[in-house]
Amino acid sequence: MKLNRNSLKLLTVSLLLPFTVLAQDKSDMTPPKPEPSPVKKFYVGSSLDGAIFSVSTLTSPFSSKKTSTLRFSYFINIGVTFNYDFTKHVGLYTGVDLKNIGFIEKVKDSTVKRRTYNLGIPLGIKFGNVENHMYGFLGGGVDFPINYREKGFVKRGHKEKFSEWFSDRTPATMPYIFAGVCVKPGVTIKLQYYLSNYMNPDYTLKNSTVKPYAGYDVHPILLSLGIQLHYSKKDMHHMMKRDKEKNEDKE
């Protein structure tokens, strides 16, 4: 029996069709890949703002609104952070930090440097590749000044300085907002702006009616370069175990 070309095509298709259907059935039976589960982990970290460059928007009885002289601070700017990552890309953090902030005012040949050591509580959100330390962050917080220092001098003249603990020369609280980025291996660049007046214009000298900061309106702007170190539960357990062994050796 002779088969023409059309008959051969039909026969070939008939022979291959069952295999094609079978292959499709097998692919349909392959289970889908599961979605990555959320991270949902808590960990503790330490933060070090190794260098803080700052200026302030400054209004005073001696000048209209201007930008103050650039100030540099590298001591003491440290803290501890408490982190919770919802996923590999989103997380929250808060903590406690200690930082050195202030501003420099120049009037003709006179220079006055004012600074405070502040205890701060930030609250921020992280977004990006959080797991690999490549992310952006933003948030706000509040500082509590604990030590105030003021130093004044005239060019080539005598310097005068003093410091006070929990001084009324500044407000009791200093709210701020911030934004920044973190890059491997944990280096951070952060911009921070203080929303309220750094000085207390209602402060009155003792046994006097003089208000030395009347007419002052100062808002510091900080650019900091730092580093974030994160500790997992395993790291914390290892450090506690190491400290315990050191204490036992001393005994």
C-alpha atoms as a PDB file:
ATOM      1  CA  MET A   1       0.000   0.000   0.000  1.00  0.00           C
ATOM      2  CA  LYS A   2       1.393   3.336  -1.041  1.00  0.00           C
ATOM      3  CA  LEU A   3       1.228   6.363   1.261  1.00  0.00           C
ATOM      4  CA  ASN A   4       1.206   9.838  -0.160  1.00  0.00           C
ATOM      5  CA  ARG A   5       2.941  12.806   1.505  1.00  0.00           C
ATOM      6  CA  ASN A   6      -0.196  14.043   3.315  1.00  0.00           C
ATOM      7  CA  SER A   7      -0.798  10.580   4.753  1.00  0.00           C
ATOM      8  CA  LEU A   8       2.787  10.472   6.082  1.00  0.00           C
ATOM      9  CA  LYS A   9       2.325  13.864   7.792  1.00  0.00           C
ATOM     10  CA  LEU A  10      -0.897  12.726   9.396  1.00  0.00           C
ATOM     11  CA  LEU A  11       0.745   9.509  10.629  1.00  0.00           C
ATOM     12  CA  THR A  12       3.721  11.392  12.081  1.00  0.00           C
ATOM     13  CA  VAL A  13       1.480  13.820  13.977  1.00  0.00           C
ATOM     14  CA  SER A  14      -0.589  10.935  15.317  1.00  0.00           C
ATOM     15  CA  LEU A  15       2.542   9.198  16.637  1.00  0.00           C
ATOM     16  CA  LEU A  16       4.009  12.345  18.302  1.00  0.00           C
ATOM     17  CA  LEU A  17       0.794  13.683  19.825  1.00  0.00           C
ATOM     18  CA  PRO A  18       0.706  11.286  22.854  1.00  0.00           C
ATOM     19  CA  PHE A  19       4.313  12.193  23.780  1.00  0.00           C
ATOM     20  CA  THR A  20       3.557  15.906  23.555  1.00  0.00           C
ATOM     21  CA  VAL A  21       0.542  15.579  25.825  1.00  0.00           C
ATOM     22  CA  LEU A  22       2.548  13.472  28.272  1.00  0.00           C
ATOM     23  CA  ALA A  23       5.317  16.053  28.406  1.00  0.00           C
ATOM     24  CA  GLN A  24       2.792  18.795  29.108  1.00  0.00           C
ATOM     25  CA  ASP A  25       1.210  16.714  31.858  1.00  0.00           C
ATOM     26  CA  LYS A  26       4.601  16.223  33.515  1.00  0.00           C
ATOM     27  CA  SER A  27       5.368  19.949  33.435  1.00  0.00           C
ATOM     28  CA  ASP A  28       1.959  20.654  34.967  1.00  0.00           C
ATOM     29  CA  MET A  29       2.763  18.199  37.749  1.00  0.00           C
ATOM     30  CA  THR A  30       5.977  20.079  38.729  1.00  0.00           C
ATOM     31  CA  PRO A  31       5.266  21.904  42.011  1.00  0.00           C
ATOM     32  CA  PRO A  32       5.782  25.697  41.911  1.00  0.00           C
ATOM     33  CA  LYS A  33       8.785  27.153  43.705  1.00  0.00           C
ATOM     34  CA  PRO A  34       7.828  28.472  47.132  1.00  0.00           C
ATOM     35  CA  GLU A  35       7.959  32.217  47.755  1.00  0.00           C
ATOM     36  CA  PRO A  36      10.799  33.328  50.049  1.00  0.00           C
ATOM     37  CA  SER A  37       9.547  33.529  53.606  1.00  0.00           C
ATOM     38  CA  PRO A  38       9.745  36.844  55.530  1.00  0.00           C
ATOM     39  CA  VAL A  39      12.845  37.420  57.625  1.00  0.00           C
ATOM     40  CA  LYS A  40      11.085  38.699  60.763  1.00  0.00           C
ATOM     41  CA  LYS A  41      14.143  38.848  62.967  1.00  0.00           C
ATOM     42  CA  PHE A  42      15.261  41.010  65.884  1.00  0.00           C
ATOM     43  CA  TYR A  43      18.863  41.938  66.523  1.00  0.00           C
ATOM     44  CA  VAL A  44      20.984  44.437  68.415  1.00  0.00           C
ATOM     45  CA  GLY A  45      23.617  46.659  66.855  1.00  0.00           C
ATOM     46  CA  SER A  46      26.061  49.403  67.714  1.00  0.00           C
ATOM     47  CA  SER A  47      26.353  52.678  65.852  1.00  0.00           C
ATOM     48  CA  LEU A  48      29.301  55.023  65.625  1.00  0.00           C
ATOM     49  CA  ASP A  49      28.990  58.443  64.003  1.00  0.00           C
ATOM     50  CA  GLY A  50      32.732  58.773  63.631  1.00  0.00           C
ATOM     51  CA  ALA A  51      32.578  62.260  62.138  1.00  0.00           C
ATOM     52  CA  ILE A  52      29.867  64.925  62.256  1.00  0.00           C
ATOM     53  CA  PHE A  53      30.041  68.015  60.068  1.00  0.00           C
ATOM     54  CA  SER A  54      27.459  70.624  60.996  1.00  0.00           C
ATOM     55  CA  VAL A  55      26.223  74.114  60.264  1.00  0.00           C
ATOM     56  CA  SER A  56      23.172  75.930  61.615  1.00  0.00           C
ATOM     57  CA  THR A  57      20.616  78.343  60.344  1.00  0.00           C
ATOM     58  CA  LEU A  58      21.329  81.218  62.733  1.00  0.00           C
ATOM     59  CA  THR A  59      19.334  84.322  63.559  1.00  0.00           C
ATOM     60  CA  SER A  60      20.602  86.548  66.375  1.00  0.00           C
ATOM     61  CA  PRO A  61      20.522  90.166  67.583  1.00  0.00           C
ATOM     62  CA  PHE A  62      23.823  90.612  65.732  1.00  0.00           C
ATOM     63  CA  SER A  63      22.704  89.356  62.323  1.00  0.00           C
ATOM     64  CA  SER A  64      19.750  88.383  60.207  1.00  0.00           C
ATOM     65  CA  LYS A  65      19.236  84.753  59.214  1.00  0.00           C
ATOM     66  CA  LYS A  66      22.469  83.188  57.955  1.00  0.00           C
ATOM     67  CA  THR A  67      24.456  79.966  57.954  1.00  0.00           C
ATOM     68  CA  SER A  68      26.869  79.542  60.839  1.00  0.00           C
ATOM     69  CA  THR A  69      30.527  78.542  60.575  1.00  0.00           C
ATOM     70  CA  LEU A  70      31.195  74.894  59.708  1.00  0.00           C
ATOM     71  CA  ARG A  71      31.786  72.746  62.787  1.00  0.00           C
ATOM     72  CA  PHE A  72      33.474  69.339  63.005  1.00  0.00           C
ATOM     73  CA  SER A  73      32.940  66.791  65.800  1.00  0.00           C
ATOM     74  CA  TYR A  74      34.372  63.303  66.189  1.00  0.00           C
ATOM     75  CA  PHE A  75      34.036  62.709  69.962  1.00  0.00           C
ATOM     76  CA  ILE A  76      31.770  61.346  71.513  1.00  0.00           C
ATOM     77  CA  ASN A  77      29.217  60.039  68.985  1.00  0.00           C
ATOM     78  CA  ILE A  78      28.176  56.486  69.821  1.00  0.00           C
ATOM     79  CA  GLY A  79      25.012  54.456  70.369  1.00  0.00           C
ATOM     80  CA  VAL A  80      23.191  51.142  70.461  1.00  0.00           C
ATOM     81  CA  THR A  81      20.357  50.163  68.106  1.00  0.00           C
ATOM     82  CA  PHE A  82      17.477  47.688  68.347  1.00  0.00           C
ATOM     83  CA  ASN A  83      16.421  46.385  64.928  1.00  0.00           C
ATOM     84  CA  TYR A  84      13.492  44.380  63.593  1.00  0.00           C
ATOM     85  CA  ASP A  85      13.431  43.331  59.945  1.00  0.00           C
ATOM     86  CA  PHE A  86      10.008  42.405  58.578  1.00  0.00           C
ATOM     87  CA  THR A  87      11.501  41.159  55.301  1.00  0.00           C
ATOM     88  CA  LYS A  88      14.854  41.291  53.540  1.00  0.00           C
ATOM     89  CA  HIS A  89      13.842  44.703  52.238  1.00  0.00           C
ATOM     90  CA  VAL A  90      11.979  46.489  55.064  1.00  0.00           C
ATOM     91  CA  GLY A  91      12.828  46.998  58.709  1.00  0.00           C
ATOM     92  CA  LEU A  92      12.452  49.300  61.714  1.00  0.00           C
ATOM     93  CA  TYR A  93      14.961  50.426  64.281  1.00  0.00           C
ATOM     94  CA  THR A  94      15.238  52.500  67.425  1.00  0.00           C
ATOM     95  CA  GLY A  95      17.878  52.841  70.108  1.00  0.00           C
ATOM     96  CA  VAL A  96      19.821  55.213  72.324  1.00  0.00           C
ATOM     97  CA  ASP A  97      22.778  57.357  71.292  1.00  0.00           C
ATOM     98  CA  LEU A  98      25.124  59.989  72.675  1.00  0.00           C
ATOM     99  CA  LYS A  99      26.361  62.748  70.395  1.00  0.00           C
ATOM    100  CA  ASN A 100      28.211  66.048  70.437  1.00  0.00           C
ATOM    101  CA  ILE A 101      26.369  68.834  68.604  1.00  0.00           C
ATOM    102  CA  GLY A 102      26.543  72.622  68.591  1.00  0.00           C
ATOM    103  CA  PHE A 103      27.302  75.704  66.520  1.00  0.00           C
ATOM    104  CA  ILE A 104      29.933  78.402  66.095  1.00  0.00           C
ATOM    105  CA  GLU A 105      29.026  82.077  66.049  1.00  0.00           C
ATOM    106  CA  LYS A 106      31.406  84.777  64.822  1.00  0.00           C
ATOM    107  CA  VAL A 107      30.803  88.490  65.368  1.00  0.00           C
ATOM    108  CA  LYS A 108      33.650  90.643  64.052  1.00  0.00           C
ATOM    109  CA  ASP A 109      36.767  89.569  66.005  1.00  0.00           C
ATOM    110  CA  SER A 110      34.800  87.555  68.572  1.00  0.00           C
ATOM    111  CA  THR A 111      34.021  83.851  68.363  1.00  0.00           C
ATOM    112  CA  VAL A 112      31.616  81.895  70.566  1.00  0.00           C
ATOM    113  CA  LYS A 113      31.411  78.103  70.456  1.00  0.00           C
ATOM    114  CA  ARG A 114      28.402  76.420  72.006  1.00  0.00           C
ATOM    115  CA  ARG A 115      27.890  72.670  72.246  1.00  0.00           C
ATOM    116  CA  THR A 116      25.851  70.064  74.086  1.00  0.00           C
ATOM    117  CA  TYR A 117      26.198  66.367  74.737  1.00  0.00           C
ATOM    118  CA  ASN A 118      22.797  64.887  73.893  1.00  0.00           C
ATOM    119  CA  LEU A 119      21.181  61.580  74.703  1.00  0.00           C
ATOM    120  CA  GLY A 120      18.949  60.721  71.766  1.00  0.00           C
ATOM    121  CA  ILE A 121      16.206  58.246  70.892  1.00  0.00           C
ATOM    122  CA  PRO A 122      15.749  57.741  67.126  1.00  0.00           C
ATOM    123  CA  LEU A 123      12.970  55.863  65.344  1.00  0.00           C
ATOM    124  CA  GLY A 124      13.553  55.004  61.710  1.00  0.00           C
ATOM    125  CA  ILE A 125      12.478  52.796  58.828  1.00  0.00           C
ATOM    126  CA  LYS A 126      14.931  50.959  56.563  1.00  0.00           C
ATOM    127  CA  PHE A 127      14.168  50.063  52.959  1.00  0.00           C
ATOM    128  CA  GLY A 128      16.219  48.382  50.231  1.00  0.00           C
ATOM    129  CA  ASN A 129      18.558  45.414  50.481  1.00  0.00           C
ATOM    130  CA  VAL A 130      18.522  45.426  54.285  1.00  0.00           C
ATOM    131  CA  GLU A 131      19.975  41.929  54.619  1.00  0.00           C
ATOM    132  CA  ASN A 132      23.149  42.910  52.724  1.00  0.00           C
ATOM    133  CA  HIS A 133      23.571  46.378  54.276  1.00  0.00           C
ATOM    134  CA  MET A 134      22.587  48.248  51.123  1.00  0.00           C
ATOM    135  CA  TYR A 135      19.577  50.360  52.030  1.00  0.00           C
ATOM    136  CA  GLY A 136      18.155  53.794  52.656  1.00  0.00           C
ATOM    137  CA  PHE A 137      16.641  54.959  55.925  1.00  0.00           C
ATOM    138  CA  LEU A 138      14.650  57.880  57.277  1.00  0.00           C
ATOM    139  CA  GLY A 139      12.829  58.849  60.434  1.00  0.00           C
ATOM    140  CA  GLY A 140      12.830  61.167  63.391  1.00  0.00           C
ATOM    141  CA  GLY A 141      13.754  61.340  67.033  1.00  0.00           C
ATOM    142  CA  VAL A 142      14.292  63.476  70.070  1.00  0.00           C
ATOM    143  CA  ASP A 143      17.445  64.542  71.907  1.00  0.00           C
ATOM    144  CA  PHE A 144      17.831  65.330  75.598  1.00  0.00           C
ATOM    145  CA  PRO A 145      20.770  67.697  76.310  1.00  0.00           C
ATOM    146  CA  ILE A 146      22.712  66.602  79.404  1.00  0.00           C
ATOM    147  CA  ASN A 147      25.750  68.883  79.322  1.00  0.00           C
ATOM    148  CA  TYR A 148      26.135  72.395  77.927  1.00  0.00           C
ATOM    149  CA  ARG A 149      29.448  74.118  77.237  1.00  0.00           C
ATOM    150  CA  GLU A 150      30.155  77.613  76.013  1.00  0.00           C
ATOM    151  CA  LYS A 151      33.544  79.022  75.052  1.00  0.00           C
ATOM    152  CA  GLY A 152      34.184  82.559  73.877  1.00  0.00           C
ATOM    153  CA  PHE A 153      37.264  84.451  72.859  1.00  0.00           C
ATOM    154  CA  VAL A 154      38.427  87.511  71.019  1.00  0.00           C
ATOM    155  CA  LYS A 155      41.054  87.085  68.313  1.00  0.00           C
ATOM    156  CA  ARG A 156      44.460  86.852  70.010  1.00  0.00           C
ATOM    157  CA  GLY A 157      42.713  87.481  73.324  1.00  0.00           C
ATOM    158  CA  HIS A 158      41.812  85.705  76.552  1.00  0.00           C
ATOM    159  CA  LYS A 159      39.441  82.735  76.347  1.00  0.00           C
ATOM    160  CA  GLU A 160      36.504  82.251  78.671  1.00  0.00           C
ATOM    161  CA  LYS A 161      34.570  79.014  79.014  1.00  0.00           C
ATOM    162  CA  PHE A 162      32.141  77.228  81.297  1.00  0.00           C
ATOM    163  CA  SER A 163      29.956  74.112  81.300  1.00  0.00           C
ATOM    164  CA  GLU A 164      26.744  73.141  83.042  1.00  0.00           C
ATOM    165  CA  TRP A 165      24.949  69.857  83.590  1.00  0.00           C
ATOM    166  CA  PHE A 166      21.266  69.829  82.597  1.00  0.00           C
ATOM    167  CA  SER A 167      21.416  73.509  81.761  1.00  0.00           C
ATOM    168  CA  ASP A 168      18.374  75.721  81.163  1.00  0.00           C
ATOM    169  CA  ARG A 169      20.306  77.595  78.482  1.00  0.00           C
ATOM    170  CA  THR A 170      18.954  75.071  75.952  1.00  0.00           C
ATOM    171  CA  PRO A 171      15.512  73.431  75.704  1.00  0.00           C
ATOM    172  CA  ALA A 172      14.969  70.201  77.631  1.00  0.00           C
ATOM    173  CA  THR A 173      14.133  68.368  74.377  1.00  0.00           C
ATOM    174  CA  MET A 174      15.326  68.767  70.779  1.00  0.00           C
ATOM    175  CA  PRO A 175      13.203  66.981  68.120  1.00  0.00           C
ATOM    176  CA  TYR A 176      14.782  66.184  64.766  1.00  0.00           C
ATOM    177  CA  ILE A 177      14.278  64.402  61.452  1.00  0.00           C
ATOM    178  CA  PHE A 178      16.868  62.476  59.440  1.00  0.00           C
ATOM    179  CA  ALA A 179      17.520  60.553  56.232  1.00  0.00           C
ATOM    180  CA  GLY A 180      20.494  58.607  54.947  1.00  0.00           C
ATOM    181  CA  VAL A 181      21.960  55.564  53.242  1.00  0.00           C
ATOM    182  CA  CYS A 182      23.918  52.514  54.351  1.00  0.00           C
ATOM    183  CA  VAL A 183      26.404  50.709  52.098  1.00  0.00           C
ATOM    184  CA  LYS A 184      28.529  47.611  52.625  1.00  0.00           C
ATOM    185  CA  PRO A 185      30.015  46.708  55.031  1.00  0.00           C
ATOM    186  CA  GLY A 186      27.774  48.996  57.111  1.00  0.00           C
ATOM    187  CA  VAL A 187      29.049  52.515  56.384  1.00  0.00           C
ATOM    188  CA  THR A 188      26.345  55.157  56.861  1.00  0.00           C
ATOM    189  CA  ILE A 189      25.901  58.700  55.586  1.00  0.00           C
ATOM    190  CA  LYS A 190      23.148  60.626  57.374  1.00  0.00           C
ATOM    191  CA  LEU A 191      21.633  64.106  57.136  1.00  0.00           C
ATOM    192  CA  GLN A 192      19.870  65.368  60.264  1.00  0.00           C
ATOM    193  CA  TYR A 193      17.873  68.566  60.899  1.00  0.00           C
ATOM    194  CA  TYR A 194      16.702  69.943  64.254  1.00  0.00           C
ATOM    195  CA  LEU A 195      13.152  71.252  64.144  1.00  0.00           C
ATOM    196  CA  SER A 196      13.211  73.431  67.273  1.00  0.00           C
ATOM    197  CA  ASN A 197      15.430  76.268  68.501  1.00  0.00           C
ATOM    198  CA  TYR A 198      18.754  75.013  69.863  1.00  0.00           C
ATOM    199  CA  MET A 199      18.936  77.880  72.381  1.00  0.00           C
ATOM    200  CA  ASN A 200      16.423  78.904  75.045  1.00  0.00           C
ATOM    201  CA  PRO A 201      15.636  82.583  74.353  1.00  0.00           C
ATOM    202  CA  ASP A 202      13.747  82.872  77.666  1.00  0.00           C
ATOM    203  CA  TYR A 203      16.739  81.876  79.784  1.00  0.00           C
ATOM    204  CA  THR A 204      17.575  84.551  82.387  1.00  0.00           C
ATOM    205  CA  LEU A 205      20.905  84.920  84.170  1.00  0.00           C
ATOM    206  CA  LYS A 206      20.785  84.349  87.915  1.00  0.00           C
ATOM    207  CA  ASN A 207      20.129  87.414  90.035  1.00  0.00           C
ATOM    208  CA  SER A 208      19.533  89.402  86.852  1.00  0.00           C
ATOM    209  CA  THR A 209      16.928  90.253  84.246  1.00  0.00           C
ATOM    210  CA  VAL A 210      19.347  89.732  81.350  1.00  0.00           C
ATOM    211  CA  LYS A 211      18.341  87.193  78.744  1.00  0.00           C
ATOM    212  CA  PRO A 212      21.587  86.397  76.870  1.00  0.00           C
ATOM    213  CA  TYR A 213      19.885  84.334  74.160  1.00  0.00           C
ATOM    214  CA  ALA A 214      16.904  86.563  73.479  1.00  0.00           C
ATOM    215  CA  GLY A 215      16.491  86.973  69.730  1.00  0.00           C
ATOM    216  CA  TYR A 216      18.389  83.743  68.949  1.00  0.00           C
ATOM    217  CA  ASP A 217      16.872  81.159  66.619  1.00  0.00           C
ATOM    218  CA  VAL A 218      19.274  78.307  65.838  1.00  0.00           C
ATOM    219  CA  HIS A 219      18.573  75.078  63.939  1.00  0.00           C
ATOM    220  CA  PRO A 220      21.562  72.699  63.556  1.00  0.00           C
ATOM    221  CA  ILE A 221      21.999  70.663  60.356  1.00  0.00           C
ATOM    222  CA  LEU A 222      24.251  67.609  60.692  1.00  0.00           C
ATOM    223  CA  LEU A 223      25.999  65.480  58.085  1.00  0.00           C
ATOM    224  CA  SER A 224      27.492  62.408  59.716  1.00  0.00           C
ATOM    225  CA  LEU A 225      29.701  59.597  58.497  1.00  0.00           C
ATOM    226  CA  GLY A 226      29.482  56.453  60.604  1.00  0.00           C
ATOM    227  CA  ILE A 227      29.345  52.692  60.758  1.00  0.00           C
ATOM    228  CA  GLN A 228      26.709  50.165  61.857  1.00  0.00           C
ATOM    229  CA  LEU A 229      27.654  46.863  63.468  1.00  0.00           C
ATOM    230  CA  HIS A 230      24.915  44.241  63.920  1.00  0.00           C
ATOM    231  CA  TYR A 231      24.967  41.371  66.409  1.00  0.00           C
ATOM    232  CA  SER A 232      22.838  38.267  65.957  1.00  0.00           C
ATOM    233  CA  LYS A 233      21.645  36.114  68.862  1.00  0.00           C
ATOM    234  CA  LYS A 234      24.557  33.783  68.123  1.00  0.00           C
ATOM    235  CA  ASP A 235      27.019  36.674  68.320  1.00  0.00           C
ATOM    236  CA  MET A 236      25.514  37.890  71.612  1.00  0.00           C
ATOM    237  CA  HIS A 237      25.690  34.370  73.082  1.00  0.00           C
ATOM    238  CA  HIS A 238      29.317  34.049  71.996  1.00  0.00           C
ATOM    239  CA  MET A 239      30.289  37.390  73.571  1.00  0.00           C
ATOM    240  CA  MET A 240      28.517  36.543  76.839  1.00  0.00           C
ATOM    241  CA  LYS A 241      30.215  33.152  76.942  1.00  0.00           C
ATOM    242  CA  ARG A 242      33.614  34.746  76.275  1.00  0.00           C
ATOM    243  CA  ASP A 243      33.119  37.315  79.054  1.00  0.00           C
ATOM    244  CA  LYS A 244      32.056  34.574  81.458  1.00  0.00           C
ATOM    245  CA  GLU A 245      35.197  32.544  80.675  1.00  0.00           C
ATOM    246  CA  LYS A 246      37.389  35.628  81.241  1.00  0.00           C
ATOM    247  CA  ASN A 247      35.812  36.244  84.636  1.00  0.00           C
ATOM    248  CA  GLU A 248      36.290  32.598  85.604  1.00  0.00           C
ATOM    249  CA  ASP A 249      39.984  32.791  84.609  1.00  0.00           C
ATOM    250  CA  LYS A 250      40.471  35.872  86.803  1.00  0.00           C
ATOM    251  CA  GLU A 251      38.977  34.057  89.780  1.00  0.00           C
END
